[in-house]
């Protein structure tokens, strides 16, 4: 009885003002497509593990309460979930009540999941209403037909997760019981936000933005759930609170709206200017039936003459590898502020961007990168999948499409990099086919960004950027490795980027048994600084390199080669670190 009472209190709190601190991760999860009519479903849920896969036989899809409680959106392996179970979880079930606000009548009601690892089945009142395959990408279920405004329904989610199957993109999740080397605690189940929103059946489904700085205009391609002949879309662009452009058009899928922007303020890491956008769908009487708030950064990225360009000027990428792990939340940041802080700390160390390694990051990270001025490479968690398995390839392609559709409007993302070198033969026919399919899909969905096929591999099939990985500690030998393999058929004078280097272990409290890294171990801070500076000098002297990525931002569990500790404390004199990396300016110094 006491447990039921506590559950009721938790659920009532979740339907209070969404901005309250009583709800974990209370912020709106999609800041580039924000509505006001929504309900945050984070908080206390009930759950059970189902290790023998007997849940359906035990009628768990209809369960009104399960035996234990968990805090969503944190995975059960994490401390913040309240569970902290780090062994394999092949199947589990979640449950909570789902009250539908009474004023949502005649609305399209959408149930959103930020990410559920891996196969999710969604039940409402015992009825299967949807499913999703993929551990890191978002999905939405239209529950309008079953959700009754003013009523409370029963929501049950089953999750299947087999990290050893070879068919799942797991990233750095450990394939063994415990963490080791560069493999860390696994993630199962709901690990991103869950929410509902209500909108008009004729509401706006999406709006893709294409900044065209060369012609001083913004191109917008909207998509609607339904089309009515008397329906219009009003788009307004603001610079701060000043209206600078507006256009009204008939609602039509596939049409382009072209809005001229005078005196464009460009987005860059140094000047991350953002324009606000208002989308208003109106009926025949001119009444607003749907309103969405968004923003855009006017910027351009392209490659030419062996260089990377930002806003038509050569730009040097000083990236740091960020793997997006947190001591208390694993893949889920404990707070929105923690995502912001990771970017601020990276900038403080002299980096203008990050390679987001082996993980699809929460969209809120990209929001803060947009706001703060921080470039990123979008990467997938492709490790864990067998690249020779056709089903594994199909699974990855599906997730990659969903992430491209989620993130393509973020100005901070400047390169798509779906693959890191797999843990098997890269020359197999199946894997080669996957690379070519990924390239075609990426260019079809978003032709505006460079595509890097195998980040840091040194071997390439079809790529806009030539990247290599080297953890050579000796500066002389390191310098000799800084060149692309021009004998490969894929080489066509692409920009040359060091996709991984450094990885130097520095951990005064370490023991050899629980410490791992790439580039040697140092106990003397001055010696470590000297090592890093010699590597940077070699990169600067090469004259052909367009960017670098240093391994890495923070320690993660037993891997101790971060600039910061796992809990984001500085390990070194950050001003000294910053001065070393900033020896290479972002833009050529004009004489």
Protein backbone atom coordinates (compact mmCIF):
# COMPACT_ATOMS: atom_id res chain seq x y z
CA UNK A 1 0.00 0.00 0.00
CA UNK A 2 2.82 2.35 0.93
CA UNK A 3 4.55 1.63 -2.43
CA UNK A 4 1.31 2.39 -4.31
CA UNK A 5 0.95 5.66 -2.41
CA UNK A 6 4.49 6.70 -3.25
CA UNK A 7 3.91 5.83 -6.89
CA UNK A 8 0.77 7.96 -6.97
CA UNK A 9 2.60 10.92 -5.46
CA UNK A 10 5.40 10.57 -8.03
CA UNK A 11 2.96 10.41 -10.93
CA UNK A 12 1.04 13.44 -9.73
CA UNK A 13 4.25 15.40 -9.46
CA UNK A 14 5.13 14.51 -13.03
CA UNK A 15 1.96 16.22 -14.21
CA UNK A 16 2.67 19.40 -12.33
CA UNK A 17 4.44 22.23 -14.08
CA UNK A 18 7.02 20.66 -16.36
CA UNK A 19 9.64 23.16 -15.29
CA UNK A 20 9.67 21.92 -11.71
CA UNK A 21 12.81 20.40 -10.29
CA UNK A 22 10.81 17.46 -8.93
CA UNK A 23 11.00 15.84 -12.35
CA UNK A 24 14.39 14.50 -13.47
CA UNK A 25 15.46 16.16 -16.69
CA UNK A 26 12.45 18.56 -16.82
CA UNK A 27 13.57 20.51 -19.92
CA UNK A 28 11.87 20.17 -23.30
CA UNK A 29 13.84 17.47 -25.16
CA UNK A 30 13.58 18.87 -28.72
CA UNK A 31 14.64 22.52 -28.49
CA UNK A 32 14.59 23.01 -32.26
CA UNK A 33 10.96 21.97 -32.50
CA UNK A 34 9.32 23.10 -29.29
CA UNK A 35 5.62 23.12 -28.39
CA UNK A 36 4.03 24.38 -25.19
CA UNK A 37 1.37 21.67 -24.84
CA UNK A 38 3.32 18.69 -23.54
CA UNK A 39 3.70 16.43 -20.52
CA UNK A 40 6.99 15.14 -19.14
CA UNK A 41 6.76 11.41 -18.32
CA UNK A 42 10.11 11.15 -16.56
CA UNK A 43 10.17 10.16 -12.91
CA UNK A 44 9.10 7.07 -10.99
CA UNK A 45 8.01 4.02 -12.98
CA UNK A 46 7.66 0.41 -11.83
CA UNK A 47 9.75 -2.31 -13.44
CA UNK A 48 10.80 -5.97 -13.42
CA UNK A 49 13.64 -7.88 -15.00
CA UNK A 50 12.49 -10.75 -17.19
CA UNK A 51 15.63 -12.85 -17.58
CA UNK A 52 13.74 -16.01 -18.66
CA UNK A 53 11.54 -14.11 -21.16
CA UNK A 54 8.33 -15.22 -19.48
CA UNK A 55 6.70 -11.78 -19.24
CA UNK A 56 4.03 -12.30 -21.85
CA UNK A 57 3.05 -15.65 -20.37
CA UNK A 58 2.67 -13.85 -17.02
CA UNK A 59 0.48 -11.19 -18.69
CA UNK A 60 2.88 -8.34 -17.95
CA UNK A 61 1.54 -6.27 -20.90
CA UNK A 62 -1.58 -5.74 -18.77
CA UNK A 63 0.19 -5.25 -15.42
CA UNK A 64 -1.08 -2.26 -13.41
CA UNK A 65 2.04 -2.29 -11.26
CA UNK A 66 5.36 -4.14 -11.31
CA UNK A 67 7.35 -5.23 -8.29
CA UNK A 68 10.12 -2.59 -8.16
CA UNK A 69 10.58 1.12 -8.87
CA UNK A 70 13.02 2.88 -11.22
CA UNK A 71 13.71 6.51 -12.07
CA UNK A 72 13.31 7.27 -15.77
CA UNK A 73 15.16 8.34 -17.93
CA UNK A 74 18.16 6.67 -16.33
CA UNK A 75 19.14 3.12 -17.36
CA UNK A 76 18.95 0.39 -14.69
CA UNK A 77 22.75 0.03 -14.75
CA UNK A 78 23.12 3.61 -13.47
CA UNK A 79 23.12 4.91 -9.91
CA UNK A 80 20.60 7.63 -10.80
CA UNK A 81 18.02 5.02 -11.76
CA UNK A 82 17.99 3.76 -8.18
CA UNK A 83 18.70 0.22 -9.46
CA UNK A 84 22.46 0.08 -10.18
CA UNK A 85 22.36 -3.43 -11.69
CA UNK A 86 25.40 -3.81 -13.98
CA UNK A 87 25.10 -7.43 -15.09
CA UNK A 88 23.49 -8.41 -18.41
CA UNK A 89 19.77 -7.64 -18.71
CA UNK A 90 18.35 -9.42 -21.74
CA UNK A 91 14.79 -8.34 -21.09
CA UNK A 92 12.88 -6.02 -18.74
CA UNK A 93 9.48 -4.39 -18.37
CA UNK A 94 8.43 -0.87 -17.39
CA UNK A 95 5.02 0.38 -16.21
CA UNK A 96 3.34 3.63 -15.24
CA UNK A 97 -0.10 5.21 -15.41
CA UNK A 98 -0.77 7.55 -18.31
CA UNK A 99 -3.31 10.26 -17.42
CA UNK A 100 -4.48 12.19 -20.49
CA UNK A 101 -5.32 15.86 -19.82
CA UNK A 102 -9.04 16.59 -20.24
CA UNK A 103 -8.36 19.58 -22.51
CA UNK A 104 -6.70 17.37 -25.14
CA UNK A 105 -9.96 16.53 -26.88
CA UNK A 106 -9.86 16.51 -30.70
CA UNK A 107 -6.05 16.61 -30.57
CA UNK A 108 -3.41 14.39 -32.12
CA UNK A 109 -1.68 12.83 -29.11
CA UNK A 110 1.89 11.69 -29.61
CA UNK A 111 3.93 9.53 -27.23
CA UNK A 112 7.66 10.22 -27.62
CA UNK A 113 10.68 8.16 -26.57
CA UNK A 114 14.10 9.77 -26.85
CA UNK A 115 15.87 6.39 -26.92
CA UNK A 116 15.28 2.87 -25.62
CA UNK A 117 18.02 0.25 -25.81
CA UNK A 118 17.28 -1.90 -27.75
CA UNK A 119 14.00 -3.46 -29.00
CA UNK A 120 10.99 -1.75 -27.44
CA UNK A 121 7.34 -2.83 -27.51
CA UNK A 122 4.76 -0.31 -26.27
CA UNK A 123 1.44 -1.40 -24.71
CA UNK A 124 -1.47 0.77 -23.61
CA UNK A 125 -4.16 -0.99 -21.59
CA UNK A 126 -2.68 -4.31 -22.71
CA UNK A 127 -2.85 -3.42 -26.40
CA UNK A 128 0.34 -3.36 -28.50
CA UNK A 129 0.40 0.15 -30.01
CA UNK A 130 3.92 0.27 -31.43
CA UNK A 131 7.47 -1.01 -31.40
CA UNK A 132 10.94 0.24 -32.27
CA UNK A 133 14.21 -1.43 -33.23
CA UNK A 134 17.32 0.55 -32.28
CA UNK A 135 19.01 1.50 -29.05
CA UNK A 136 19.87 5.16 -29.58
CA UNK A 137 17.43 6.84 -31.95
CA UNK A 138 14.09 8.50 -31.16
CA UNK A 139 10.65 7.22 -32.01
CA UNK A 140 7.09 8.45 -31.67
CA UNK A 141 3.76 6.64 -31.47
CA UNK A 142 0.43 8.23 -32.35
CA UNK A 143 -1.90 7.17 -29.55
CA UNK A 144 -4.82 9.43 -30.52
CA UNK A 145 -7.22 6.56 -31.18
CA UNK A 146 -6.66 4.84 -27.87
CA UNK A 147 -5.93 7.77 -25.53
CA UNK A 148 -9.12 9.23 -24.04
CA UNK A 149 -8.80 12.80 -22.71
CA UNK A 150 -9.73 12.97 -19.03
CA UNK A 151 -9.01 9.25 -18.57
CA UNK A 152 -5.97 7.46 -17.16
CA UNK A 153 -4.50 4.60 -19.16
CA UNK A 154 -1.91 1.98 -18.30
CA UNK A 155 1.43 2.23 -20.12
CA UNK A 156 3.73 -0.80 -20.29
CA UNK A 157 7.05 -0.98 -22.16
CA UNK A 158 8.97 -4.20 -22.78
CA UNK A 159 12.64 -4.00 -23.68
CA UNK A 160 14.85 -6.68 -25.20
CA UNK A 161 18.61 -6.14 -25.27
CA UNK A 162 21.20 -8.64 -26.48
CA UNK A 163 24.59 -6.94 -26.60
CA UNK A 164 26.25 -10.20 -27.65
CA UNK A 165 24.03 -10.85 -30.66
CA UNK A 166 26.24 -9.00 -33.14
CA UNK A 167 23.13 -7.32 -34.54
CA UNK A 168 23.04 -4.32 -32.23
CA UNK A 169 25.06 -1.13 -32.45
CA UNK A 170 26.35 -0.96 -28.87
CA UNK A 171 29.26 1.44 -29.06
CA UNK A 172 31.57 1.13 -26.08
CA UNK A 173 29.18 -1.00 -24.01
CA UNK A 174 31.16 -3.91 -22.63
CA UNK A 175 30.55 -7.32 -24.26
CA UNK A 176 31.83 -8.91 -21.05
CA UNK A 177 30.24 -8.88 -17.61
CA UNK A 178 32.59 -6.15 -16.38
CA UNK A 179 34.20 -3.12 -17.96
CA UNK A 180 37.67 -3.48 -19.42
CA UNK A 181 40.09 -1.43 -21.56
CA UNK A 182 37.95 0.99 -23.62
CA UNK A 183 34.67 -0.86 -23.01
CA UNK A 184 32.42 0.41 -20.26
CA UNK A 185 29.21 -0.24 -18.33
CA UNK A 186 26.30 -1.32 -20.53
CA UNK A 187 23.03 0.52 -21.08
CA UNK A 188 19.63 -1.17 -21.15
CA UNK A 189 16.12 0.14 -21.50
CA UNK A 190 14.85 3.71 -21.36
CA UNK A 191 17.81 6.08 -21.22
CA UNK A 192 16.41 9.26 -22.73
CA UNK A 193 13.34 11.30 -21.98
CA UNK A 194 9.75 10.14 -22.40
CA UNK A 195 7.00 12.66 -23.03
CA UNK A 196 3.59 13.30 -24.59
CA UNK A 197 2.42 16.24 -26.62
CA UNK A 198 -0.91 17.34 -28.08
CA UNK A 199 -1.39 19.19 -31.34
CA UNK A 200 -3.84 19.79 -34.14
CA UNK A 201 -4.37 16.86 -36.53
CA UNK A 202 -3.30 19.33 -39.22
CA UNK A 203 -0.19 20.37 -37.32
CA UNK A 204 3.39 20.77 -38.45
CA UNK A 205 5.32 17.49 -38.55
CA UNK A 206 8.79 18.83 -39.36
CA UNK A 207 10.61 21.77 -40.91
CA UNK A 208 14.03 21.35 -42.48
CA UNK A 209 16.19 24.45 -42.71
CA UNK A 210 18.87 25.10 -45.33
CA UNK A 211 20.99 28.21 -44.67
CA UNK A 212 22.20 29.78 -47.92
CA UNK A 213 24.67 32.43 -46.89
CA UNK A 214 25.95 32.94 -50.44
CA UNK A 215 22.53 34.18 -51.53
CA UNK A 216 21.50 35.77 -48.21
CA UNK A 217 18.50 33.53 -47.67
CA UNK A 218 17.07 30.72 -45.60
CA UNK A 219 15.28 27.86 -47.34
CA UNK A 220 12.68 25.98 -45.28
CA UNK A 221 10.96 22.75 -46.29
CA UNK A 222 7.93 22.02 -44.07
CA UNK A 223 5.98 18.77 -43.69
CA UNK A 224 2.47 18.48 -42.22
CA UNK A 225 0.52 15.63 -40.67
CA UNK A 226 -2.52 16.47 -42.78
CA UNK A 227 -3.14 19.02 -45.54
CA UNK A 228 -6.20 21.23 -45.80
CA UNK A 229 -6.73 23.59 -48.74
CA UNK A 230 -7.66 26.47 -46.46
CA UNK A 231 -4.67 26.01 -44.21
CA UNK A 232 -1.67 28.38 -44.19
CA UNK A 233 1.78 28.41 -42.64
CA UNK A 234 3.24 31.66 -41.33
CA UNK A 235 6.98 31.64 -40.79
CA UNK A 236 8.64 34.48 -38.88
CA UNK A 237 12.35 34.95 -38.25
CA UNK A 238 13.60 37.02 -35.34
CA UNK A 239 17.00 38.46 -34.50
CA UNK A 240 16.69 38.64 -30.72
CA UNK A 241 13.16 40.10 -30.50
CA UNK A 242 13.28 42.03 -33.78
CA UNK A 243 11.28 40.59 -36.67
CA UNK A 244 13.57 40.46 -39.73
CA UNK A 245 11.65 38.23 -42.16
CA UNK A 246 8.18 36.77 -42.56
CA UNK A 247 6.36 34.67 -45.14
CA UNK A 248 2.92 33.10 -45.38
CA UNK A 249 2.11 30.28 -47.78
CA UNK A 250 -0.42 27.56 -48.39
CA UNK A 251 0.43 24.41 -46.50
CA UNK A 252 1.95 21.86 -48.83
CA UNK A 253 4.36 18.99 -48.29
CA UNK A 254 7.57 19.19 -50.29
CA UNK A 255 7.35 22.90 -51.06
CA UNK A 256 10.18 25.31 -50.27
CA UNK A 257 9.82 28.63 -48.53
CA UNK A 258 12.64 31.06 -49.33
CA UNK A 259 13.09 33.88 -46.84
CA UNK A 260 15.64 36.62 -47.64
CA UNK A 261 17.81 37.71 -44.71
CA UNK A 262 19.59 41.03 -44.96
CA UNK A 263 22.91 41.70 -43.25
CA UNK A 264 23.34 38.06 -42.21
CA UNK A 265 25.00 37.38 -38.88
CA UNK A 266 26.94 34.16 -39.35
CA UNK A 267 27.17 31.29 -36.91
CA UNK A 268 30.63 30.08 -35.88
CA UNK A 269 32.32 28.85 -32.69
CA UNK A 270 33.66 32.37 -32.19
CA UNK A 271 30.30 34.09 -32.87
CA UNK A 272 27.48 31.55 -32.38
CA UNK A 273 24.65 33.76 -33.52
CA UNK A 274 21.22 32.12 -33.70
CA UNK A 275 18.01 33.41 -35.24
CA UNK A 276 14.70 32.44 -33.65
CA UNK A 277 11.95 30.99 -35.85
CA UNK A 278 8.21 30.87 -35.24
CA UNK A 279 6.03 28.45 -37.23
CA UNK A 280 2.28 29.15 -37.05
CA UNK A 281 -0.25 26.92 -38.81
CA UNK A 282 -3.52 28.80 -39.30
CA UNK A 283 -7.01 27.77 -40.35
CA UNK A 284 -9.35 29.48 -42.84
CA UNK A 285 -10.34 32.07 -40.21
CA UNK A 286 -6.71 32.97 -39.52
CA UNK A 287 -6.75 31.29 -36.12
CA UNK A 288 -3.54 29.59 -35.02
CA UNK A 289 -4.08 25.83 -34.72
CA UNK A 290 -0.43 24.85 -34.20
CA UNK A 291 2.65 26.81 -33.15
CA UNK A 292 6.25 25.61 -33.00
CA UNK A 293 9.31 27.51 -31.82
CA UNK A 294 12.70 26.85 -33.38
CA UNK A 295 16.00 28.50 -34.29
CA UNK A 296 18.63 28.43 -37.01
CA UNK A 297 22.33 29.21 -37.36
CA UNK A 298 23.32 30.74 -40.68
CA UNK A 299 26.52 29.01 -41.66
CA UNK A 300 28.07 27.04 -44.49
CA UNK A 301 30.52 24.14 -44.46
CA UNK A 302 32.26 22.73 -47.50
CA UNK A 303 35.52 21.21 -48.68
CA UNK A 304 37.72 22.37 -51.54
CA UNK A 305 41.37 22.24 -52.53
CA UNK A 306 42.22 19.79 -49.75
CA UNK A 307 40.85 22.08 -47.02
CA UNK A 308 37.82 22.34 -44.79
CA UNK A 309 35.89 25.62 -44.97
CA UNK A 310 33.52 27.27 -42.54
CA UNK A 311 31.62 30.25 -43.94
CA UNK A 312 33.87 30.24 -47.03
CA UNK A 313 37.09 30.55 -45.02
CA UNK A 314 39.57 27.77 -44.15
CA UNK A 315 38.90 26.55 -40.65
CA UNK A 316 41.11 24.34 -38.46
CA UNK A 317 39.21 21.89 -36.29
CA UNK A 318 40.67 21.46 -32.79
CA UNK A 319 38.49 18.60 -31.66
CA UNK A 320 38.49 16.55 -28.51
CA UNK A 321 37.05 13.04 -28.33
CA UNK A 322 33.95 13.00 -26.14
CA UNK A 323 32.27 9.65 -25.47
CA UNK A 324 29.35 11.01 -23.46
CA UNK A 325 29.65 8.84 -20.34
CA UNK A 326 28.74 10.00 -16.83
CA UNK A 327 29.65 8.29 -13.51
CA UNK A 328 26.09 8.41 -12.18
CA UNK A 329 24.00 8.28 -15.38
CA UNK A 330 26.22 6.21 -17.79
CA UNK A 331 24.87 7.34 -21.19
CA UNK A 332 22.42 9.85 -19.69
CA UNK A 333 23.61 13.19 -18.38
CA UNK A 334 22.36 13.75 -14.81
CA UNK A 335 21.13 17.24 -15.73
CA UNK A 336 20.84 19.51 -18.71
CA UNK A 337 23.47 21.68 -17.07
CA UNK A 338 25.93 18.75 -17.21
CA UNK A 339 25.65 18.67 -21.00
CA UNK A 340 26.34 22.40 -21.14
CA UNK A 341 29.25 22.06 -18.74
CA UNK A 342 30.99 19.44 -20.90
CA UNK A 343 31.12 21.97 -23.73
CA UNK A 344 32.30 24.81 -21.51
CA UNK A 345 35.07 22.61 -20.09
CA UNK A 346 36.14 21.56 -23.59
CA UNK A 347 36.36 25.17 -24.74
CA UNK A 348 38.29 26.04 -21.58
CA UNK A 349 40.89 23.43 -22.56
CA UNK A 350 41.39 25.05 -26.00
CA UNK A 351 39.10 22.95 -28.19
CA UNK A 352 36.63 24.43 -30.65
CA UNK A 353 34.71 21.21 -31.10
CA UNK A 354 34.36 17.51 -30.38
CA UNK A 355 34.15 14.21 -32.13
CA UNK A 356 31.14 12.55 -30.50
CA UNK A 357 32.55 9.06 -30.36
CA UNK A 358 30.63 5.75 -30.56
CA UNK A 359 27.36 7.21 -29.37
CA UNK A 360 24.32 9.13 -30.57
CA UNK A 361 24.26 12.00 -28.10
CA UNK A 362 21.13 13.46 -26.54
CA UNK A 363 19.71 16.24 -28.70
CA UNK A 364 20.09 18.70 -25.82
CA UNK A 365 23.87 18.40 -26.22
CA UNK A 366 23.56 19.68 -29.79
CA UNK A 367 21.37 22.52 -28.54
CA UNK A 368 24.08 23.67 -26.16
CA UNK A 369 26.72 23.28 -28.87
CA UNK A 370 24.59 25.53 -31.08
CA UNK A 371 24.15 28.09 -28.29
CA UNK A 372 27.73 28.14 -27.05
CA UNK A 373 29.58 27.81 -30.38
CA UNK A 374 31.05 24.32 -30.52
CA UNK A 375 31.48 22.23 -33.68
CA UNK A 376 30.85 18.48 -33.63
CA UNK A 377 31.06 15.33 -35.73
CA UNK A 378 27.96 13.15 -35.59
CA UNK A 379 28.97 9.51 -35.17
CA UNK A 380 27.15 6.22 -34.55
CA UNK A 381 27.79 3.53 -31.90
CA UNK A 382 28.65 0.98 -34.60
CA UNK A 383 30.88 -1.21 -32.40
CA UNK A 384 29.16 -4.34 -31.18
CA UNK A 385 27.57 -5.13 -34.52
CA UNK A 386 28.91 -7.77 -36.86
CA UNK A 387 29.63 -5.89 -40.12
CA UNK A 388 29.28 -9.12 -42.08
CA UNK A 389 25.70 -9.59 -40.87
CA UNK A 390 23.07 -8.16 -43.24
CA UNK A 391 20.53 -7.74 -40.43
CA UNK A 392 23.07 -5.80 -38.36
CA UNK A 393 23.69 -3.49 -41.31
CA UNK A 394 19.95 -3.01 -41.78
CA UNK A 395 19.54 -2.14 -38.11
CA UNK A 396 22.31 0.46 -38.24
CA UNK A 397 20.93 2.04 -41.41
CA UNK A 398 17.52 2.46 -39.77
CA UNK A 399 18.98 4.19 -36.73
CA UNK A 400 21.24 6.38 -38.83
CA UNK A 401 18.27 7.66 -40.86
CA UNK A 402 16.38 8.54 -37.67
CA UNK A 403 19.37 10.45 -36.26
CA UNK A 404 19.94 12.36 -39.51
CA UNK A 405 16.30 13.42 -39.48
CA UNK A 406 16.56 14.45 -35.82
CA UNK A 407 19.81 16.41 -36.01
CA UNK A 408 20.27 17.84 -39.52
CA UNK A 409 19.12 21.34 -38.55
CA UNK A 410 21.80 21.83 -35.89
CA UNK A 411 24.47 24.29 -37.10
CA UNK A 412 27.09 22.88 -34.71
CA UNK A 413 27.21 19.53 -36.52
CA UNK A 414 29.66 19.96 -39.38
CA UNK A 415 30.51 16.38 -40.43
CA UNK A 416 28.62 13.09 -40.58
CA UNK A 417 30.83 10.20 -39.53
CA UNK A 418 28.72 7.06 -39.14
CA UNK A 419 31.50 4.52 -38.68
CA UNK A 420 34.63 3.95 -36.68
CA UNK A 421 36.78 1.02 -37.78
CA UNK A 422 34.83 -2.15 -36.92
CA UNK A 423 36.34 -4.88 -34.84
CA UNK A 424 36.67 -7.16 -37.84
CA UNK A 425 37.68 -7.19 -41.53
CA UNK A 426 36.86 -3.83 -43.15
CA UNK A 427 37.31 -5.18 -46.66
CA UNK A 428 34.42 -7.66 -46.53
CA UNK A 429 31.83 -7.24 -49.23
CA UNK A 430 28.96 -6.80 -46.77
CA UNK A 431 30.73 -4.05 -44.87
CA UNK A 432 31.73 -2.25 -48.06
CA UNK A 433 28.10 -2.30 -49.15
CA UNK A 434 27.11 -0.82 -45.78
CA UNK A 435 29.58 2.04 -46.24
CA UNK A 436 28.27 2.87 -49.72
CA UNK A 437 24.64 2.69 -48.54
CA UNK A 438 25.40 4.97 -45.60
CA UNK A 439 27.02 7.49 -47.92
CA UNK A 440 24.10 7.51 -50.34
CA UNK A 441 21.52 7.81 -47.57
CA UNK A 442 23.43 10.58 -45.84
CA UNK A 443 23.83 12.63 -49.00
CA UNK A 444 20.16 12.10 -49.91
CA UNK A 445 18.91 13.32 -46.53
CA UNK A 446 21.54 16.01 -45.99
CA UNK A 447 23.81 17.01 -48.89
CA UNK A 448 25.08 20.09 -47.04
CA UNK A 449 27.73 18.42 -44.85
CA UNK A 450 30.92 16.42 -45.55
CA UNK A 451 30.76 12.66 -45.07
CA UNK A 452 33.58 10.70 -43.43
CA UNK A 453 33.17 6.98 -44.02
CA UNK A 454 35.60 5.46 -41.46
CA UNK A 455 36.74 7.97 -38.91
CA UNK A 456 40.37 7.64 -37.98
CA UNK A 457 40.87 4.39 -39.86
CA UNK A 458 43.44 5.32 -42.46
CA UNK A 459 41.47 3.13 -44.85
CA UNK A 460 38.61 4.62 -46.83
CA UNK A 461 35.96 3.56 -49.33
CA UNK A 462 34.03 6.72 -50.17
CA UNK A 463 34.78 9.82 -48.16
CA UNK A 464 34.86 13.63 -48.24
CA UNK A 465 37.45 13.74 -45.45
CA UNK A 466 40.64 11.69 -45.14
CA UNK A 467 41.16 10.81 -41.49
CA UNK A 468 43.72 8.62 -39.77
CA UNK A 469 44.31 7.39 -36.24
CA UNK A 470 47.75 7.32 -34.66
CA UNK A 471 48.77 6.95 -31.05
CA UNK A 472 52.48 7.03 -31.86
CA UNK A 473 54.11 8.64 -28.80
CA UNK A 474 57.43 9.61 -30.39
CA UNK A 475 57.13 13.03 -32.04
CA UNK A 476 59.55 12.21 -34.87
CA UNK A 477 57.80 8.99 -35.85
CA UNK A 478 54.44 10.70 -35.28
CA UNK A 479 55.38 13.41 -37.81
CA UNK A 480 56.30 10.80 -40.41
CA UNK A 481 52.82 9.22 -40.12
CA UNK A 482 50.99 12.48 -40.88
CA UNK A 483 50.11 11.89 -44.50
CA UNK A 484 47.24 10.28 -46.40
CA UNK A 485 47.70 7.03 -48.28
CA UNK A 486 47.59 8.36 -51.82
CA UNK A 487 47.79 4.85 -53.21
CA UNK A 488 44.21 4.11 -52.12
CA UNK A 489 41.62 4.42 -54.85
CA UNK A 490 39.40 6.56 -52.60
CA UNK A 491 42.00 9.32 -52.24
CA UNK A 492 41.03 12.47 -54.18
CA UNK A 493 42.82 15.31 -52.34
CA UNK A 494 40.38 15.32 -49.44
CA UNK A 495 41.10 17.43 -46.35
CA UNK A 496 43.45 15.50 -44.07
CA UNK A 497 42.46 15.20 -40.40
CA UNK A 498 44.02 13.36 -37.46
CA UNK A 499 40.93 11.53 -36.24
CA UNK A 500 42.59 10.21 -33.05
CA UNK A 501 45.86 10.88 -31.28
CA UNK A 502 47.20 11.38 -27.77
CA UNK A 503 45.44 9.07 -25.34
CA UNK A 504 48.15 9.66 -22.77
CA UNK A 505 47.54 8.23 -19.30
CA UNK A 506 48.09 10.55 -16.36
CA UNK A 507 46.63 9.35 -13.11
CA UNK A 508 48.60 9.82 -9.90
CA UNK A 509 46.28 7.65 -7.83
CA UNK A 510 46.16 4.81 -10.30
CA UNK A 511 46.96 1.19 -9.92
CA UNK A 512 48.10 -0.72 -12.95
CA UNK A 513 45.20 -3.12 -12.58
CA UNK A 514 42.49 -0.54 -13.18
CA UNK A 515 44.19 1.93 -15.50
CA UNK A 516 44.12 1.83 -19.29
CA UNK A 517 45.11 4.20 -22.09
CA UNK A 518 46.74 4.50 -25.48
CA UNK A 519 49.80 6.68 -25.53
CA UNK A 520 51.93 5.74 -22.55
CA UNK A 521 51.72 6.58 -18.85
CA UNK A 522 53.10 9.71 -17.18
CA UNK A 523 53.48 10.64 -13.54
CA UNK A 524 55.23 13.95 -14.18
CA UNK A 525 52.98 16.77 -15.39
CA UNK A 526 55.77 18.74 -17.10
CA UNK A 527 56.81 15.67 -19.08
CA UNK A 528 53.24 15.12 -20.23
CA UNK A 529 52.91 18.74 -21.35
CA UNK A 530 56.15 18.38 -23.29
CA UNK A 531 54.84 15.25 -25.03
CA UNK A 532 51.57 16.91 -26.07
CA UNK A 533 53.32 20.07 -27.27
CA UNK A 534 55.74 18.11 -29.46
CA UNK A 535 52.80 16.31 -31.08
CA UNK A 536 51.01 19.62 -31.70
CA UNK A 537 54.19 21.13 -33.15
CA UNK A 538 54.43 18.20 -35.57
CA UNK A 539 50.83 18.71 -36.69
CA UNK A 540 51.36 22.43 -37.13
CA UNK A 541 54.56 21.93 -39.11
CA UNK A 542 53.02 19.43 -41.53
CA UNK A 543 51.24 22.16 -43.51
CA UNK A 544 48.60 19.75 -44.85
CA UNK A 545 46.39 19.03 -41.84
CA UNK A 546 42.91 20.56 -41.55
CA UNK A 547 42.05 19.33 -38.09
CA UNK A 548 42.81 17.07 -35.15
CA UNK A 549 40.98 15.13 -32.49
CA UNK A 550 42.72 14.58 -29.15
CA UNK A 551 41.88 11.51 -27.05
CA UNK A 552 40.10 12.45 -24.84
CA UNK A 553 37.82 14.81 -22.92
CA UNK A 554 37.44 12.87 -19.67
CA UNK A 555 38.44 9.64 -17.99
CA UNK A 556 35.82 6.88 -18.24
CA UNK A 557 35.87 4.16 -15.62
CA UNK A 558 39.22 2.36 -16.05
CA UNK A 559 40.31 4.45 -19.06
CA UNK A 560 42.41 7.24 -17.56
CA UNK A 561 43.59 9.32 -20.51
CA UNK A 562 41.24 12.29 -20.18
CA UNK A 563 41.98 15.98 -19.84
CA UNK A 564 39.46 15.84 -16.98
CA UNK A 565 38.61 13.14 -14.47
CA UNK A 566 35.46 11.07 -14.87
CA UNK A 567 33.57 13.48 -12.62
CA UNK A 568 34.82 16.44 -14.71
CA UNK A 569 37.51 17.75 -12.41
CA UNK A 570 40.63 19.25 -14.08
CA UNK A 571 43.70 17.01 -14.04
CA UNK A 572 46.12 19.68 -15.22
CA UNK A 573 46.74 23.39 -15.43
CA UNK A 574 44.00 24.16 -17.97
CA UNK A 575 45.55 27.43 -19.07
CA UNK A 576 48.72 25.57 -20.01
CA UNK A 577 46.73 22.90 -21.85
CA UNK A 578 44.76 25.58 -23.65
CA UNK A 579 47.88 27.45 -24.72
CA UNK A 580 49.31 24.27 -26.29
CA UNK A 581 46.25 23.39 -28.37
CA UNK A 582 45.60 26.99 -29.38
CA UNK A 583 49.07 27.20 -30.93
CA UNK A 584 47.17 26.19 -34.06
CA UNK A 585 44.63 28.97 -34.72
CA UNK A 586 41.13 28.17 -35.96
CA UNK A 587 41.56 30.51 -38.91
CA UNK A 588 44.71 31.43 -40.83
CA UNK A 589 46.40 34.48 -39.36
CA UNK A 590 45.99 37.31 -41.83
CA UNK A 591 49.22 39.11 -42.56
